[in-house]
């Protein structure tokens, strides 16, 4: 698992640090690093980050 600070907050304890699985055997869920509550699946997080990346790419001024 990799510990990462995200712009999200745990609904149980309020932490913004999460554990993301790095290997197949670690499961597919993003967990709070403080209380281990499950925040979301890694697939949902990946889709959300890709969507944000696409919208911000269009907002950047051209060179």
PDB file of N, CA and C in Angstrom:
ATOM      1  N   UNK A   1       0.835  -1.178   0.000  1.00  0.00           N
ATOM      2  CA  UNK A   1       0.000   0.000   0.000  1.00  0.00           C
ATOM      3  C   UNK A   1       0.885   1.248   0.000  1.00  0.00           C
ATOM      4  N   UNK A   2       0.402   2.258  -0.675  1.00  0.00           N
ATOM      5  CA  UNK A   2       1.107   3.532  -0.713  1.00  0.00           C
ATOM      6  C   UNK A   2       0.253   4.566   0.018  1.00  0.00           C
ATOM      7  N   UNK A   3       0.862   5.321   0.916  1.00  0.00           N
ATOM      8  CA  UNK A   3       0.158   6.369   1.656  1.00  0.00           C
ATOM      9  C   UNK A   3       0.213   7.649   0.833  1.00  0.00           C
ATOM     10  N   UNK A   4      -0.953   8.283   0.644  1.00  0.00           N
ATOM     11  CA  UNK A   4      -1.015   9.470  -0.198  1.00  0.00           C
ATOM     12  C   UNK A   4      -1.998  10.474   0.394  1.00  0.00           C
ATOM     13  N   UNK A   5      -1.631  11.750   0.351  1.00  0.00           N
ATOM     14  CA  UNK A   5      -2.527  12.821   0.766  1.00  0.00           C
ATOM     15  C   UNK A   5      -3.343  13.248  -0.441  1.00  0.00           C
ATOM     16  N   UNK A   6      -4.664  13.254  -0.281  1.00  0.00           N
ATOM     17  CA  UNK A   6      -5.570  13.613  -1.370  1.00  0.00           C
ATOM     18  C   UNK A   6      -6.453  14.778  -0.949  1.00  0.00           C
ATOM     19  N   UNK A   7      -7.074  15.422  -1.913  1.00  0.00           N
ATOM     20  CA  UNK A   7      -8.018  16.499  -1.630  1.00  0.00           C
ATOM     21  C   UNK A   7      -9.395  15.891  -1.366  1.00  0.00           C
ATOM     22  N   UNK A   8      -9.426  14.937  -0.450  1.00  0.00           N
ATOM     23  CA  UNK A   8     -10.630  14.245   0.006  1.00  0.00           C
ATOM     24  C   UNK A   8     -10.532  14.148   1.517  1.00  0.00           C
ATOM     25  N   UNK A   9     -11.639  13.913   2.158  1.00  0.00           N
ATOM     26  CA  UNK A   9     -11.625  13.735   3.607  1.00  0.00           C
ATOM     27  C   UNK A   9     -12.426  12.497   3.975  1.00  0.00           C
ATOM     28  N   UNK A  10     -11.916  11.761   4.933  1.00  0.00           N
ATOM     29  CA  UNK A  10     -12.598  10.576   5.436  1.00  0.00           C
ATOM     30  C   UNK A  10     -13.879  11.009   6.148  1.00  0.00           C
ATOM     31  N   UNK A  11     -14.976  10.366   5.834  1.00  0.00           N
ATOM     32  CA  UNK A  11     -16.250  10.714   6.466  1.00  0.00           C
ATOM     33  C   UNK A  11     -16.330  10.225   7.915  1.00  0.00           C
ATOM     34  N   UNK A  12     -15.399   9.367   8.325  1.00  0.00           N
ATOM     35  CA  UNK A  12     -15.405   8.849   9.697  1.00  0.00           C
ATOM     36  C   UNK A  12     -14.520   9.663  10.633  1.00  0.00           C
ATOM     37  N   UNK A  13     -13.292   9.976  10.199  1.00  0.00           N
ATOM     38  CA  UNK A  13     -12.357  10.645  11.110  1.00  0.00           C
ATOM     39  C   UNK A  13     -11.854  11.995  10.595  1.00  0.00           C
ATOM     40  N   UNK A  14     -12.129  12.333   9.340  1.00  0.00           N
ATOM     41  CA  UNK A  14     -11.735  13.628   8.795  1.00  0.00           C
ATOM     42  C   UNK A  14     -10.336  13.688   8.204  1.00  0.00           C
ATOM     43  N   UNK A  15      -9.604  12.609   8.236  1.00  0.00           N
ATOM     44  CA  UNK A  15      -8.242  12.584   7.695  1.00  0.00           C
ATOM     45  C   UNK A  15      -8.250  12.782   6.179  1.00  0.00           C
ATOM     46  N   UNK A  16      -7.148  13.328   5.652  1.00  0.00           N
ATOM     47  CA  UNK A  16      -7.013  13.462   4.197  1.00  0.00           C
ATOM     48  C   UNK A  16      -5.877  12.593   3.661  1.00  0.00           C
ATOM     49  N   UNK A  17      -5.401  11.648   4.461  1.00  0.00           N
ATOM     50  CA  UNK A  17      -4.362  10.705   4.036  1.00  0.00           C
ATOM     51  C   UNK A  17      -4.999   9.337   3.822  1.00  0.00           C
ATOM     52  N   UNK A  18      -4.668   8.743   2.685  1.00  0.00           N
ATOM     53  CA  UNK A  18      -5.299   7.491   2.300  1.00  0.00           C
ATOM     54  C   UNK A  18      -4.260   6.471   1.874  1.00  0.00           C
ATOM     55  N   UNK A  19      -4.630   5.207   1.966  1.00  0.00           N
ATOM     56  CA  UNK A  19      -3.792   4.101   1.529  1.00  0.00           C
ATOM     57  C   UNK A  19      -4.318   3.605   0.196  1.00  0.00           C
ATOM     58  N   UNK A  20      -3.454   3.605  -0.814  1.00  0.00           N
ATOM     59  CA  UNK A  20      -3.823   3.125  -2.137  1.00  0.00           C
ATOM     60  C   UNK A  20      -3.085   1.826  -2.415  1.00  0.00           C
ATOM     61  N   UNK A  21      -3.797   0.793  -2.844  1.00  0.00           N
ATOM     62  CA  UNK A  21      -3.135  -0.486  -3.138  1.00  0.00           C
ATOM     63  C   UNK A  21      -2.219  -0.353  -4.346  1.00  0.00           C
ATOM     64  N   UNK A  22      -1.049  -0.943  -4.255  1.00  0.00           N
ATOM     65  CA  UNK A  22      -0.075  -0.878  -5.342  1.00  0.00           C
ATOM     66  C   UNK A  22       0.095  -2.227  -6.033  1.00  0.00           C
ATOM     67  N   UNK A  23      -0.276  -3.301  -5.351  1.00  0.00           N
ATOM     68  CA  UNK A  23      -0.139  -4.640  -5.916  1.00  0.00           C
ATOM     69  C   UNK A  23      -1.490  -5.328  -5.952  1.00  0.00           C
ATOM     70  N   UNK A  24      -1.636  -6.246  -6.861  1.00  0.00           N
ATOM     71  CA  UNK A  24      -2.911  -6.938  -7.075  1.00  0.00           C
ATOM     72  C   UNK A  24      -3.450  -7.593  -5.803  1.00  0.00           C
ATOM     73  N   UNK A  25      -2.604  -8.146  -4.995  1.00  0.00           N
ATOM     74  CA  UNK A  25      -3.029  -8.850  -3.792  1.00  0.00           C
ATOM     75  C   UNK A  25      -3.489  -7.950  -2.657  1.00  0.00           C
ATOM     76  N   UNK A  26      -3.326  -6.646  -2.796  1.00  0.00           N
ATOM     77  CA  UNK A  26      -3.708  -5.717  -1.734  1.00  0.00           C
ATOM     78  C   UNK A  26      -5.167  -5.275  -1.820  1.00  0.00           C
ATOM     79  N   UNK A  27      -5.893  -5.765  -2.784  1.00  0.00           N
ATOM     80  CA  UNK A  27      -7.298  -5.395  -2.923  1.00  0.00           C
ATOM     81  C   UNK A  27      -7.470  -4.206  -3.848  1.00  0.00           C
ATOM     82  N   UNK A  28      -8.693  -3.771  -3.987  1.00  0.00           N
ATOM     83  CA  UNK A  28      -8.983  -2.688  -4.917  1.00  0.00           C
ATOM     84  C   UNK A  28      -9.704  -1.530  -4.268  1.00  0.00           C
ATOM     85  N   UNK A  29      -9.427  -1.287  -2.976  1.00  0.00           N
ATOM     86  CA  UNK A  29     -10.134  -0.241  -2.260  1.00  0.00           C
ATOM     87  C   UNK A  29      -9.171   0.791  -1.698  1.00  0.00           C
ATOM     88  N   UNK A  30      -9.585   2.056  -1.762  1.00  0.00           N
ATOM     89  CA  UNK A  30      -8.845   3.157  -1.158  1.00  0.00           C
ATOM     90  C   UNK A  30      -9.316   3.254   0.289  1.00  0.00           C
ATOM     91  N   UNK A  31      -8.370   3.196   1.231  1.00  0.00           N
ATOM     92  CA  UNK A  31      -8.709   3.213   2.654  1.00  0.00           C
ATOM     93  C   UNK A  31      -8.099   4.419   3.339  1.00  0.00           C
ATOM     94  N   UNK A  32      -8.776   4.907   4.378  1.00  0.00           N
ATOM     95  CA  UNK A  32      -8.238   5.974   5.213  1.00  0.00           C
ATOM     96  C   UNK A  32      -7.004   5.434   5.934  1.00  0.00           C
ATOM     97  N   UNK A  33      -5.917   6.209   5.959  1.00  0.00           N
ATOM     98  CA  UNK A  33      -4.704   5.725   6.623  1.00  0.00           C
ATOM     99  C   UNK A  33      -4.806   5.838   8.140  1.00  0.00           C
ATOM    100  N   UNK A  34      -5.731   6.626   8.641  1.00  0.00           N
ATOM    101  CA  UNK A  34      -5.884   6.777  10.088  1.00  0.00           C
ATOM    102  C   UNK A  34      -6.816   5.715  10.680  1.00  0.00           C
ATOM    103  N   UNK A  35      -8.025   5.567  10.120  1.00  0.00           N
ATOM    104  CA  UNK A  35      -9.006   4.651  10.726  1.00  0.00           C
ATOM    105  C   UNK A  35      -9.304   3.423   9.858  1.00  0.00           C
ATOM    106  N   UNK A  36      -8.696   3.315   8.688  1.00  0.00           N
ATOM    107  CA  UNK A  36      -8.847   2.199   7.745  1.00  0.00           C
ATOM    108  C   UNK A  36     -10.260   2.046   7.180  1.00  0.00           C
ATOM    109  N   UNK A  37     -11.087   3.087   7.279  1.00  0.00           N
ATOM    110  CA  UNK A  37     -12.408   3.045   6.648  1.00  0.00           C
ATOM    111  C   UNK A  37     -12.219   3.075   5.136  1.00  0.00           C
ATOM    112  N   UNK A  38     -13.067   2.370   4.421  1.00  0.00           N
ATOM    113  CA  UNK A  38     -12.983   2.331   2.961  1.00  0.00           C
ATOM    114  C   UNK A  38     -13.621   3.594   2.403  1.00  0.00           C
ATOM    115  N   UNK A  39     -12.878   4.314   1.557  1.00  0.00           N
ATOM    116  CA  UNK A  39     -13.380   5.543   0.941  1.00  0.00           C
ATOM    117  C   UNK A  39     -14.075   5.245  -0.384  1.00  0.00           C
ATOM    118  N   UNK A  40     -13.394   4.506  -1.261  1.00  0.00           N
ATOM    119  CA  UNK A  40     -13.954   4.170  -2.571  1.00  0.00           C
ATOM    120  C   UNK A  40     -13.097   3.081  -3.205  1.00  0.00           C
ATOM    121  N   UNK A  41     -13.503   2.633  -4.376  1.00  0.00           N
ATOM    122  CA  UNK A  41     -12.684   1.654  -5.090  1.00  0.00           C
ATOM    123  C   UNK A  41     -11.621   2.399  -5.893  1.00  0.00           C
ATOM    124  N   UNK A  42     -10.520   1.735  -6.157  1.00  0.00           N
ATOM    125  CA  UNK A  42      -9.456   2.372  -6.936  1.00  0.00           C
ATOM    126  C   UNK A  42      -9.929   2.680  -8.349  1.00  0.00           C
ATOM    127  N   UNK A  43     -10.811   1.870  -8.889  1.00  0.00           N
ATOM    128  CA  UNK A  43     -11.341   2.110 -10.230  1.00  0.00           C
ATOM    129  C   UNK A  43     -12.130   3.416 -10.275  1.00  0.00           C
ATOM    130  N   UNK A  44     -12.974   3.668  -9.271  1.00  0.00           N
ATOM    131  CA  UNK A  44     -13.738   4.914  -9.227  1.00  0.00           C
ATOM    132  C   UNK A  44     -12.820   6.121  -9.061  1.00  0.00           C
ATOM    133  N   UNK A  45     -11.796   5.997  -8.221  1.00  0.00           N
ATOM    134  CA  UNK A  45     -10.849   7.094  -8.029  1.00  0.00           C
ATOM    135  C   UNK A  45     -10.097   7.382  -9.319  1.00  0.00           C
ATOM    136  N   UNK A  46      -9.667   6.338 -10.008  1.00  0.00           N
ATOM    137  CA  UNK A  46      -8.947   6.505 -11.270  1.00  0.00           C
ATOM    138  C   UNK A  46      -9.819   7.211 -12.310  1.00  0.00           C
ATOM    139  N   UNK A  47     -11.078   6.814 -12.429  1.00  0.00           N
ATOM    140  CA  UNK A  47     -11.988   7.450 -13.386  1.00  0.00           C
ATOM    141  C   UNK A  47     -12.211   8.918 -13.043  1.00  0.00           C
ATOM    142  N   UNK A  48     -12.371   9.227 -11.755  1.00  0.00           N
ATOM    143  CA  UNK A  48     -12.582  10.610 -11.331  1.00  0.00           C
ATOM    144  C   UNK A  48     -11.354  11.468 -11.625  1.00  0.00           C
ATOM    145  N   UNK A  49     -10.162  10.943 -11.362  1.00  0.00           N
ATOM    146  CA  UNK A  49      -8.937  11.696 -11.629  1.00  0.00           C
ATOM    147  C   UNK A  49      -8.732  11.916 -13.125  1.00  0.00           C
ATOM    148  N   UNK A  50      -9.081  10.932 -13.938  1.00  0.00           N
ATOM    149  CA  UNK A  50      -8.963  11.090 -15.390  1.00  0.00           C
ATOM    150  C   UNK A  50      -9.937  12.151 -15.888  1.00  0.00           C
ATOM    151  N   UNK A  51     -11.147  12.191 -15.347  1.00  0.00           N
ATOM    152  CA  UNK A  51     -12.137  13.185 -15.752  1.00  0.00           C
ATOM    153  C   UNK A  51     -11.677  14.587 -15.371  1.00  0.00           C
ATOM    154  N   UNK A  52     -11.104  14.744 -14.187  1.00  0.00           N
ATOM    155  CA  UNK A  52     -10.594  16.045 -13.755  1.00  0.00           C
ATOM    156  C   UNK A  52      -9.430  16.465 -14.641  1.00  0.00           C
ATOM    157  N   UNK A  53      -8.564  15.531 -14.978  1.00  0.00           N
ATOM    158  CA  UNK A  53      -7.428  15.834 -15.849  1.00  0.00           C
ATOM    159  C   UNK A  53      -7.856  16.289 -17.226  1.00  0.00           C
ATOM    160  N   UNK A  54      -8.917  15.726 -17.749  1.00  0.00           N
ATOM    161  CA  UNK A  54      -9.404  16.120 -19.071  1.00  0.00           C
ATOM    162  C   UNK A  54     -10.014  17.507 -19.042  1.00  0.00           C
ATOM    163  N   UNK A  55     -10.751  17.858 -18.001  1.00  0.00           N
ATOM    164  CA  UNK A  55     -11.376  19.181 -17.944  1.00  0.00           C
ATOM    165  C   UNK A  55     -10.346  20.270 -17.704  1.00  0.00           C
ATOM    166  N   UNK A  56      -9.306  19.993 -16.899  1.00  0.00           N
ATOM    167  CA  UNK A  56      -8.289  21.012 -16.661  1.00  0.00           C
ATOM    168  C   UNK A  56      -7.378  21.173 -17.866  1.00  0.00           C
ATOM    169  N   UNK A  57      -7.225  20.152 -18.679  1.00  0.00           N
ATOM    170  CA  UNK A  57      -6.389  20.256 -19.880  1.00  0.00           C
ATOM    171  C   UNK A  57      -6.980  21.257 -20.858  1.00  0.00           C
ATOM    172  N   UNK A  58      -8.289  21.357 -20.928  1.00  0.00           N
ATOM    173  CA  UNK A  58      -8.929  22.293 -21.842  1.00  0.00           C
ATOM    174  C   UNK A  58      -8.894  23.721 -21.322  1.00  0.00           C
ATOM    175  N   UNK A  59      -8.683  23.915 -20.039  1.00  0.00           N
ATOM    176  CA  UNK A  59      -8.653  25.253 -19.446  1.00  0.00           C
ATOM    177  C   UNK A  59      -7.297  25.922 -19.576  1.00  0.00           C
ATOM    178  N   UNK A  60      -6.272  25.167 -19.862  1.00  0.00           N
ATOM    179  CA  UNK A  60      -4.922  25.732 -19.943  1.00  0.00           C
ATOM    180  C   UNK A  60      -4.762  26.526 -21.231  1.00  0.00           C
ATOM    181  N   UNK A  61      -4.173  27.704 -21.124  1.00  0.00           N
ATOM    182  CA  UNK A  61      -3.956  28.492 -22.348  1.00  0.00           C
ATOM    183  C   UNK A  61      -2.914  27.840 -23.245  1.00  0.00           C
ATOM    184  N   UNK A  62      -3.088  27.984 -24.523  1.00  0.00           N
ATOM    185  CA  UNK A  62      -2.144  27.408 -25.478  1.00  0.00           C
ATOM    186  C   UNK A  62      -0.835  28.167 -25.504  1.00  0.00           C
ATOM    187  N   UNK A  63       0.193  27.510 -25.951  1.00  0.00           N
ATOM    188  CA  UNK A  63       1.514  28.151 -26.023  1.00  0.00           C
ATOM    189  C   UNK A  63       1.724  28.803 -27.345  1.00  0.00           C
TER     190      UNK A  63
END
